[in-house]
PDB file of all heavy atoms in Angstrom:
ATOM      1  N   ASN A   1      -4.788  10.786  53.833  1.00  0.00           N
ATOM      2  CA  ASN A   1      -3.876  11.906  53.696  1.00  0.00           C
ATOM      3  C   ASN A   1      -3.098  11.740  52.392  1.00  0.00           C
ATOM      4  O   ASN A   1      -2.536  10.682  52.132  1.00  0.00           O
ATOM      5  CB  ASN A   1      -2.925  11.922  54.905  1.00  0.00           C
ATOM      6  CG  ASN A   1      -1.994  13.095  54.897  1.00  0.00           C
ATOM      7  OD1 ASN A   1      -1.633  13.627  53.848  1.00  0.00           O
ATOM      8  ND2 ASN A   1      -1.603  13.511  56.084  1.00  0.00           N
ATOM      9  N   SER A   2      -3.032  12.783  51.577  1.00  0.00           N
ATOM     10  CA  SER A   2      -2.357  12.679  50.282  1.00  0.00           C
ATOM     11  C   SER A   2      -0.870  12.340  50.422  1.00  0.00           C
ATOM     12  O   SER A   2      -0.270  11.797  49.499  1.00  0.00           O
ATOM     13  CB  SER A   2      -2.529  13.970  49.487  1.00  0.00           C
ATOM     14  OG  SER A   2      -1.912  15.048  50.162  1.00  0.00           O
ATOM     15  N   SER A   3      -0.262  12.625  51.558  1.00  0.00           N
ATOM     16  CA  SER A   3       1.149  12.267  51.739  1.00  0.00           C
ATOM     17  C   SER A   3       1.325  10.758  51.938  1.00  0.00           C
ATOM     18  O   SER A   3       2.446  10.259  51.908  1.00  0.00           O
ATOM     19  CB  SER A   3       1.750  13.030  52.925  1.00  0.00           C
ATOM     20  OG  SER A   3       1.129  12.630  54.134  1.00  0.00           O
ATOM     21  N   ASN A   4       0.218  10.027  52.113  1.00  0.00           N
ATOM     22  CA  ASN A   4       0.272   8.574  52.262  1.00  0.00           C
ATOM     23  C   ASN A   4      -0.035   7.837  50.964  1.00  0.00           C
ATOM     24  O   ASN A   4      -0.186   6.623  50.964  1.00  0.00           O
ATOM     25  CB  ASN A   4      -0.713   8.107  53.343  1.00  0.00           C
ATOM     26  CG  ASN A   4      -0.299   8.574  54.719  1.00  0.00           C
ATOM     27  OD1 ASN A   4       0.860   8.873  54.963  1.00  0.00           O
ATOM     28  ND2 ASN A   4      -1.255   8.652  55.616  1.00  0.00           N
ATOM     29  N   ILE A   5      -0.141   8.579  49.874  1.00  0.00           N
ATOM     30  CA  ILE A   5      -0.445   7.979  48.581  1.00  0.00           C
ATOM     31  C   ILE A   5       0.822   7.990  47.728  1.00  0.00           C
ATOM     32  O   ILE A   5       1.449   9.024  47.547  1.00  0.00           O
ATOM     33  CB  ILE A   5      -1.581   8.737  47.861  1.00  0.00           C
ATOM     34  CG1 ILE A   5      -2.866   8.643  48.688  1.00  0.00           C
ATOM     35  CG2 ILE A   5      -1.790   8.180  46.455  1.00  0.00           C
ATOM     36  CD1 ILE A   5      -4.002   9.486  48.167  1.00  0.00           C
ATOM     37  N   ILE A   6       1.182   6.822  47.221  1.00  0.00           N
ATOM     38  CA  ILE A   6       2.356   6.702  46.362  1.00  0.00           C
ATOM     39  C   ILE A   6       1.879   6.190  45.011  1.00  0.00           C
ATOM     40  O   ILE A   6       1.185   5.183  44.922  1.00  0.00           O
ATOM     41  CB  ILE A   6       3.378   5.705  46.958  1.00  0.00           C
ATOM     42  CG1 ILE A   6       3.780   6.131  48.364  1.00  0.00           C
ATOM     43  CG2 ILE A   6       4.602   5.599  46.052  1.00  0.00           C
ATOM     44  CD1 ILE A   6       4.582   5.086  49.114  1.00  0.00           C
ATOM     45  N   GLU A   7       2.255   6.898  43.962  1.00  0.00           N
ATOM     46  CA  GLU A   7       1.912   6.456  42.621  1.00  0.00           C
ATOM     47  C   GLU A   7       2.993   6.907  41.652  1.00  0.00           C
ATOM     48  O   GLU A   7       3.710   7.865  41.907  1.00  0.00           O
ATOM     49  CB  GLU A   7       0.537   6.952  42.182  1.00  0.00           C
ATOM     50  CG  GLU A   7       0.368   8.446  42.197  1.00  0.00           C
ATOM     51  CD  GLU A   7      -1.058   8.875  41.873  1.00  0.00           C
ATOM     52  OE1 GLU A   7      -1.806   8.083  41.280  1.00  0.00           O
ATOM     53  OE2 GLU A   7      -1.419   9.996  42.217  1.00  0.00           O
ATOM     54  N   GLY A   8       3.100   6.189  40.544  1.00  0.00           N
ATOM     55  CA  GLY A   8       4.104   6.519  39.544  1.00  0.00           C
ATOM     56  C   GLY A   8       3.609   7.564  38.576  1.00  0.00           C
ATOM     57  O   GLY A   8       2.415   7.676  38.313  1.00  0.00           O
ATOM     58  N   SER A   9       4.543   8.316  38.040  1.00  0.00           N
ATOM     59  CA  SER A   9       4.208   9.330  37.039  1.00  0.00           C
ATOM     60  C   SER A   9       4.420   8.748  35.642  1.00  0.00           C
ATOM     61  O   SER A   9       4.943   7.650  35.480  1.00  0.00           O
ATOM     62  CB  SER A   9       5.094  10.561  37.223  1.00  0.00           C
ATOM     63  OG  SER A   9       6.427  10.251  36.859  1.00  0.00           O
ATOM     64  N   LEU A  10       4.029   9.499  34.652  1.00  0.00           N
ATOM     65  CA  LEU A  10       4.218   9.078  33.261  1.00  0.00           C
ATOM     66  C   LEU A  10       5.359   9.863  32.618  1.00  0.00           C
ATOM     67  O   LEU A  10       5.269  10.290  31.474  1.00  0.00           O
ATOM     68  CB  LEU A  10       2.920   9.240  32.471  1.00  0.00           C
ATOM     69  CG  LEU A  10       1.858   8.187  32.742  1.00  0.00           C
ATOM     70  CD1 LEU A  10       0.567   8.497  32.002  1.00  0.00           C
ATOM     71  CD2 LEU A  10       2.360   6.804  32.361  1.00  0.00           C
ATOM     72  N   GLN A  11       6.436  10.060  33.360  1.00  0.00           N
ATOM     73  CA  GLN A  11       7.634  10.731  32.862  1.00  0.00           C
ATOM     74  C   GLN A  11       8.710   9.683  32.608  1.00  0.00           C
ATOM     75  O   GLN A  11       9.166   9.031  33.537  1.00  0.00           O
ATOM     76  CB  GLN A  11       8.131  11.768  33.871  1.00  0.00           C
ATOM     77  CG  GLN A  11       7.131  12.869  34.169  1.00  0.00           C
ATOM     78  CD  GLN A  11       6.776  13.673  32.934  1.00  0.00           C
ATOM     79  OE1 GLN A  11       7.632  14.013  32.131  1.00  0.00           O
ATOM     80  NE2 GLN A  11       5.502  13.965  32.763  1.00  0.00           N
ATOM     81  N   ALA A  12       9.120   9.532  31.355  1.00  0.00           N
ATOM     82  CA  ALA A  12      10.085   8.491  30.999  1.00  0.00           C
ATOM     83  C   ALA A  12      11.531   8.993  30.966  1.00  0.00           C
ATOM     84  O   ALA A  12      12.437   8.230  30.653  1.00  0.00           O
ATOM     85  CB  ALA A  12       9.721   7.893  29.643  1.00  0.00           C
ATOM     86  N   GLU A  13      11.747  10.251  31.312  1.00  0.00           N
ATOM     87  CA  GLU A  13      13.103  10.801  31.301  1.00  0.00           C
ATOM     88  C   GLU A  13      14.011   9.991  32.224  1.00  0.00           C
ATOM     89  O   GLU A  13      13.640   9.657  33.338  1.00  0.00           O
ATOM     90  CB  GLU A  13      13.076  12.259  31.762  1.00  0.00           C
ATOM     91  CG  GLU A  13      12.284  13.163  30.850  1.00  0.00           C
ATOM     92  CD  GLU A  13      11.861  14.451  31.541  1.00  0.00           C
ATOM     93  OE1 GLU A  13      12.459  14.817  32.555  1.00  0.00           O
ATOM     94  OE2 GLU A  13      10.912  15.072  31.042  1.00  0.00           O
ATOM     95  N   ASN A  14      15.204   9.691  31.723  1.00  0.00           N
ATOM     96  CA  ASN A  14      16.241   8.972  32.472  1.00  0.00           C
ATOM     97  C   ASN A  14      15.877   7.535  32.832  1.00  0.00           C
ATOM     98  O   ASN A  14      16.561   6.927  33.652  1.00  0.00           O
ATOM     99  CB  ASN A  14      16.634   9.738  33.736  1.00  0.00           C
ATOM    100  CG  ASN A  14      17.135  11.130  33.409  1.00  0.00           C
ATOM    101  OD1 ASN A  14      17.922  11.309  32.484  1.00  0.00           O
ATOM    102  ND2 ASN A  14      16.665  12.112  34.148  1.00  0.00           N
ATOM    103  N   LEU A  15      14.812   7.001  32.277  1.00  0.00           N
ATOM    104  CA  LEU A  15      14.467   5.598  32.518  1.00  0.00           C
ATOM    105  C   LEU A  15      15.018   4.741  31.384  1.00  0.00           C
ATOM    106  O   LEU A  15      15.064   5.173  30.231  1.00  0.00           O
ATOM    107  CB  LEU A  15      12.950   5.412  32.611  1.00  0.00           C
ATOM    108  CG  LEU A  15      12.243   6.087  33.782  1.00  0.00           C
ATOM    109  CD1 LEU A  15      10.732   5.879  33.670  1.00  0.00           C
ATOM    110  CD2 LEU A  15      12.767   5.561  35.108  1.00  0.00           C
ATOM    111  N   LYS A  16      15.424   3.527  31.740  1.00  0.00           N
ATOM    112  CA  LYS A  16      15.938   2.585  30.751  1.00  0.00           C
ATOM    113  C   LYS A  16      14.964   1.412  30.630  1.00  0.00           C
ATOM    114  O   LYS A  16      14.547   0.850  31.639  1.00  0.00           O
ATOM    115  CB  LYS A  16      17.317   2.088  31.160  1.00  0.00           C
ATOM    116  CG  LYS A  16      18.374   3.176  31.125  1.00  0.00           C
ATOM    117  CD  LYS A  16      19.736   2.594  31.372  1.00  0.00           C
ATOM    118  CE  LYS A  16      20.782   3.666  31.498  1.00  0.00           C
ATOM    119  NZ  LYS A  16      21.159   4.289  30.279  1.00  0.00           N
ATOM    120  N   PHE A  17      14.627   1.089  29.392  1.00  0.00           N
ATOM    121  CA  PHE A  17      13.675   0.031  29.110  1.00  0.00           C
ATOM    122  C   PHE A  17      14.289  -1.005  28.178  1.00  0.00           C
ATOM    123  O   PHE A  17      15.126  -0.680  27.340  1.00  0.00           O
ATOM    124  CB  PHE A  17      12.425   0.585  28.405  1.00  0.00           C
ATOM    125  CG  PHE A  17      11.709   1.632  29.189  1.00  0.00           C
ATOM    126  CD1 PHE A  17      11.970   2.977  28.983  1.00  0.00           C
ATOM    127  CD2 PHE A  17      10.777   1.278  30.146  1.00  0.00           C
ATOM    128  CE1 PHE A  17      11.305   3.951  29.712  1.00  0.00           C
ATOM    129  CE2 PHE A  17      10.111   2.246  30.881  1.00  0.00           C
ATOM    130  CZ  PHE A  17      10.385   3.585  30.662  1.00  0.00           C
ATOM    131  N   SER A  18      13.851  -2.226  28.322  1.00  0.00           N
ATOM    132  CA  SER A  18      14.105  -3.235  27.313  1.00  0.00           C
ATOM    133  C   SER A  18      12.747  -3.733  26.838  1.00  0.00           C
ATOM    134  O   SER A  18      11.806  -3.846  27.627  1.00  0.00           O
ATOM    135  CB  SER A  18      14.935  -4.397  27.867  1.00  0.00           C
ATOM    136  OG  SER A  18      15.189  -5.319  26.828  1.00  0.00           O
ATOM    137  N   ILE A  19      12.672  -3.988  25.554  1.00  0.00           N
ATOM    138  CA  ILE A  19      11.452  -4.525  24.957  1.00  0.00           C
ATOM    139  C   ILE A  19      11.829  -5.827  24.266  1.00  0.00           C
ATOM    140  O   ILE A  19      12.702  -5.842  23.400  1.00  0.00           O
ATOM    141  CB  ILE A  19      10.823  -3.537  23.956  1.00  0.00           C
ATOM    142  CG1 ILE A  19      10.571  -2.175  24.622  1.00  0.00           C
ATOM    143  CG2 ILE A  19       9.532  -4.121  23.385  1.00  0.00           C
ATOM    144  CD1 ILE A  19      10.085  -1.096  23.660  1.00  0.00           C
ATOM    145  N   VAL A  20      11.193  -6.912  24.692  1.00  0.00           N
ATOM    146  CA  VAL A  20      11.451  -8.220  24.094  1.00  0.00           C
ATOM    147  C   VAL A  20      10.283  -8.543  23.169  1.00  0.00           C
ATOM    148  O   VAL A  20       9.129  -8.570  23.609  1.00  0.00           O
ATOM    149  CB  VAL A  20      11.628  -9.312  25.174  1.00  0.00           C
ATOM    150  CG1 VAL A  20      11.925 -10.658  24.522  1.00  0.00           C
ATOM    151  CG2 VAL A  20      12.740  -8.923  26.146  1.00  0.00           C
ATOM    152  N   CYS A  21      10.605  -8.760  21.891  1.00  0.00           N
ATOM    153  CA  CYS A  21       9.586  -8.948  20.861  1.00  0.00           C
ATOM    154  C   CYS A  21       9.677 -10.332  20.241  1.00  0.00           C
ATOM    155  O   CYS A  21      10.771 -10.809  19.920  1.00  0.00           O
ATOM    156  CB  CYS A  21       9.782  -7.926  19.743  1.00  0.00           C
ATOM    157  SG  CYS A  21       9.642  -6.214  20.256  1.00  0.00           S
ATOM    158  N   ALA A  22       8.522 -10.951  20.042  1.00  0.00           N
ATOM    159  CA  ALA A  22       8.443 -12.237  19.350  1.00  0.00           C
ATOM    160  C   ALA A  22       8.404 -11.996  17.841  1.00  0.00           C
ATOM    161  O   ALA A  22       7.623 -11.182  17.350  1.00  0.00           O
ATOM    162  CB  ALA A  22       7.197 -12.998  19.791  1.00  0.00           C
ATOM    163  N   ARG A  23       9.265 -12.696  17.122  1.00  0.00           N
ATOM    164  CA  ARG A  23       9.302 -12.565  15.663  1.00  0.00           C
ATOM    165  C   ARG A  23       8.093 -13.249  15.000  1.00  0.00           C
ATOM    166  O   ARG A  23       7.638 -12.839  13.934  1.00  0.00           O
ATOM    167  CB  ARG A  23      10.596 -13.164  15.132  1.00  0.00           C
ATOM    168  CG  ARG A  23      10.911 -12.756  13.724  1.00  0.00           C
ATOM    169  CD  ARG A  23      12.265 -13.227  13.246  1.00  0.00           C
ATOM    170  NE  ARG A  23      13.364 -12.977  14.149  1.00  0.00           N
ATOM    171  CZ  ARG A  23      13.967 -11.797  14.339  1.00  0.00           C
ATOM    172  NH1 ARG A  23      13.543 -10.743  13.677  1.00  0.00           N
ATOM    173  NH2 ARG A  23      14.974 -11.671  15.169  1.00  0.00           N
ATOM    174  N   PHE A  24       7.529 -14.285  15.647  1.00  0.00           N
ATOM    175  CA  PHE A  24       6.352 -14.958  15.108  1.00  0.00           C
ATOM    176  C   PHE A  24       5.205 -13.952  15.097  1.00  0.00           C
ATOM    177  O   PHE A  24       4.969 -13.257  16.087  1.00  0.00           O
ATOM    178  CB  PHE A  24       5.997 -16.174  15.967  1.00  0.00           C
ATOM    179  CG  PHE A  24       5.086 -17.149  15.291  1.00  0.00           C
ATOM    180  CD1 PHE A  24       5.588 -18.069  14.381  1.00  0.00           C
ATOM    181  CD2 PHE A  24       3.734 -17.140  15.557  1.00  0.00           C
ATOM    182  CE1 PHE A  24       4.745 -18.978  13.748  1.00  0.00           C
ATOM    183  CE2 PHE A  24       2.880 -18.037  14.932  1.00  0.00           C
ATOM    184  CZ  PHE A  24       3.394 -18.959  14.024  1.00  0.00           C
ATOM    185  N   ASN A  25       4.518 -13.831  14.003  1.00  0.00           N
ATOM    186  CA  ASN A  25       3.475 -12.817  13.798  1.00  0.00           C
ATOM    187  C   ASN A  25       4.062 -11.404  13.851  1.00  0.00           C
ATOM    188  O   ASN A  25       3.445 -10.473  14.353  1.00  0.00           O
ATOM    189  CB  ASN A  25       2.331 -12.955  14.815  1.00  0.00           C
ATOM    190  CG  ASN A  25       1.495 -14.187  14.576  1.00  0.00           C
ATOM    191  OD1 ASN A  25       1.235 -14.551  13.435  1.00  0.00           O
ATOM    192  ND2 ASN A  25       1.089 -14.844  15.647  1.00  0.00           N
ATOM    193  N   ASP A  26       5.282 -11.253  13.294  1.00  0.00           N
ATOM    194  CA  ASP A  26       5.984  -9.975  13.389  1.00  0.00           C
ATOM    195  C   ASP A  26       5.278  -8.833  12.671  1.00  0.00           C
ATOM    196  O   ASP A  26       5.510  -7.673  12.987  1.00  0.00           O
ATOM    197  CB  ASP A  26       7.433 -10.095  12.936  1.00  0.00           C
ATOM    198  CG  ASP A  26       7.583 -10.364  11.445  1.00  0.00           C
ATOM    199  OD1 ASP A  26       6.645 -10.872  10.826  1.00  0.00           O
ATOM    200  OD2 ASP A  26       8.670 -10.061  10.920  1.00  0.00           O
ATOM    201  N   PHE A  27       4.391  -9.141  11.729  1.00  0.00           N
ATOM    202  CA  PHE A  27       3.612  -8.083  11.099  1.00  0.00           C
ATOM    203  C   PHE A  27       2.877  -7.271  12.162  1.00  0.00           C
ATOM    204  O   PHE A  27       2.834  -6.043  12.120  1.00  0.00           O
ATOM    205  CB  PHE A  27       2.608  -8.674  10.094  1.00  0.00           C
ATOM    206  CG  PHE A  27       1.670  -7.645   9.519  1.00  0.00           C
ATOM    207  CD1 PHE A  27       2.085  -6.824   8.486  1.00  0.00           C
ATOM    208  CD2 PHE A  27       0.385  -7.496  10.023  1.00  0.00           C
ATOM    209  CE1 PHE A  27       1.225  -5.855   7.961  1.00  0.00           C
ATOM    210  CE2 PHE A  27      -0.477  -6.535   9.508  1.00  0.00           C
ATOM    211  CZ  PHE A  27      -0.057  -5.716   8.473  1.00  0.00           C
ATOM    212  N   PHE A  28       2.315  -7.963  13.146  1.00  0.00           N
ATOM    213  CA  PHE A  28       1.598  -7.304  14.233  1.00  0.00           C
ATOM    214  C   PHE A  28       2.555  -6.793  15.302  1.00  0.00           C
ATOM    215  O   PHE A  28       2.374  -5.709  15.854  1.00  0.00           O
ATOM    216  CB  PHE A  28       0.589  -8.267  14.878  1.00  0.00           C
ATOM    217  CG  PHE A  28      -0.405  -8.822  13.910  1.00  0.00           C
ATOM    218  CD1 PHE A  28      -0.360 -10.153  13.538  1.00  0.00           C
ATOM    219  CD2 PHE A  28      -1.380  -8.011  13.354  1.00  0.00           C
ATOM    220  CE1 PHE A  28      -1.276 -10.667  12.641  1.00  0.00           C
ATOM    221  CE2 PHE A  28      -2.308  -8.521  12.449  1.00  0.00           C
ATOM    222  CZ  PHE A  28      -2.253  -9.852  12.087  1.00  0.00           C
ATOM    223  N   VAL A  29       3.564  -7.578  15.618  1.00  0.00           N
ATOM    224  CA  VAL A  29       4.486  -7.232  16.705  1.00  0.00           C
ATOM    225  C   VAL A  29       5.252  -5.945  16.389  1.00  0.00           C
ATOM    226  O   VAL A  29       5.481  -5.124  17.278  1.00  0.00           O
ATOM    227  CB  VAL A  29       5.442  -8.398  17.031  1.00  0.00           C
ATOM    228  CG1 VAL A  29       6.423  -8.017  18.126  1.00  0.00           C
ATOM    229  CG2 VAL A  29       4.642  -9.635  17.444  1.00  0.00           C
ATOM    230  N   THR A  30       5.624  -5.731  15.130  1.00  0.00           N
ATOM    231  CA  THR A  30       6.323  -4.484  14.788  1.00  0.00           C
ATOM    232  C   THR A  30       5.431  -3.273  15.047  1.00  0.00           C
ATOM    233  O   THR A  30       5.927  -2.221  15.453  1.00  0.00           O
ATOM    234  CB  THR A  30       6.802  -4.480  13.323  1.00  0.00           C
ATOM    235  OG1 THR A  30       5.707  -4.740  12.460  1.00  0.00           O
ATOM    236  CG2 THR A  30       7.903  -5.487  13.102  1.00  0.00           C
ATOM    237  N   LYS A  31       4.141  -3.417  14.865  1.00  0.00           N
ATOM    238  CA  LYS A  31       3.212  -2.317  15.170  1.00  0.00           C
ATOM    239  C   LYS A  31       3.123  -2.086  16.683  1.00  0.00           C
ATOM    240  O   LYS A  31       3.029  -0.946  17.142  1.00  0.00           O
ATOM    241  CB  LYS A  31       1.844  -2.597  14.561  1.00  0.00           C
ATOM    242  CG  LYS A  31       1.889  -2.603  13.034  1.00  0.00           C
ATOM    243  CD  LYS A  31       0.557  -2.847  12.421  1.00  0.00           C
ATOM    244  CE  LYS A  31       0.573  -2.934  10.923  1.00  0.00           C
ATOM    245  NZ  LYS A  31       1.587  -2.257  10.190  1.00  0.00           N
ATOM    246  N   LEU A  32       3.161  -3.170  17.457  1.00  0.00           N
ATOM    247  CA  LEU A  32       3.179  -3.036  18.918  1.00  0.00           C
ATOM    248  C   LEU A  32       4.473  -2.343  19.361  1.00  0.00           C
ATOM    249  O   LEU A  32       4.451  -1.453  20.222  1.00  0.00           O
ATOM    250  CB  LEU A  32       3.074  -4.405  19.588  1.00  0.00           C
ATOM    251  CG  LEU A  32       1.817  -5.221  19.325  1.00  0.00           C
ATOM    252  CD1 LEU A  32       1.925  -6.589  20.003  1.00  0.00           C
ATOM    253  CD2 LEU A  32       0.579  -4.488  19.774  1.00  0.00           C
ATOM    254  N   LEU A  33       5.591  -2.739  18.772  1.00  0.00           N
ATOM    255  CA  LEU A  33       6.876  -2.125  19.098  1.00  0.00           C
ATOM    256  C   LEU A  33       6.877  -0.646  18.748  1.00  0.00           C
ATOM    257  O   LEU A  33       7.317   0.185  19.553  1.00  0.00           O
ATOM    258  CB  LEU A  33       8.010  -2.855  18.364  1.00  0.00           C
ATOM    259  CG  LEU A  33       9.407  -2.274  18.534  1.00  0.00           C
ATOM    260  CD1 LEU A  33       9.836  -2.260  19.996  1.00  0.00           C
ATOM    261  CD2 LEU A  33      10.399  -3.054  17.674  1.00  0.00           C
TER     262      LEU A  33
END
């Protein structure tokens, strides 16, 4: 039954994120960021 399926959406509104980045190999990490 579809009412028994729980999944997340791809809507980032009102969500808070932190991104922790390694400075080592920062040439690549800045592109990931």
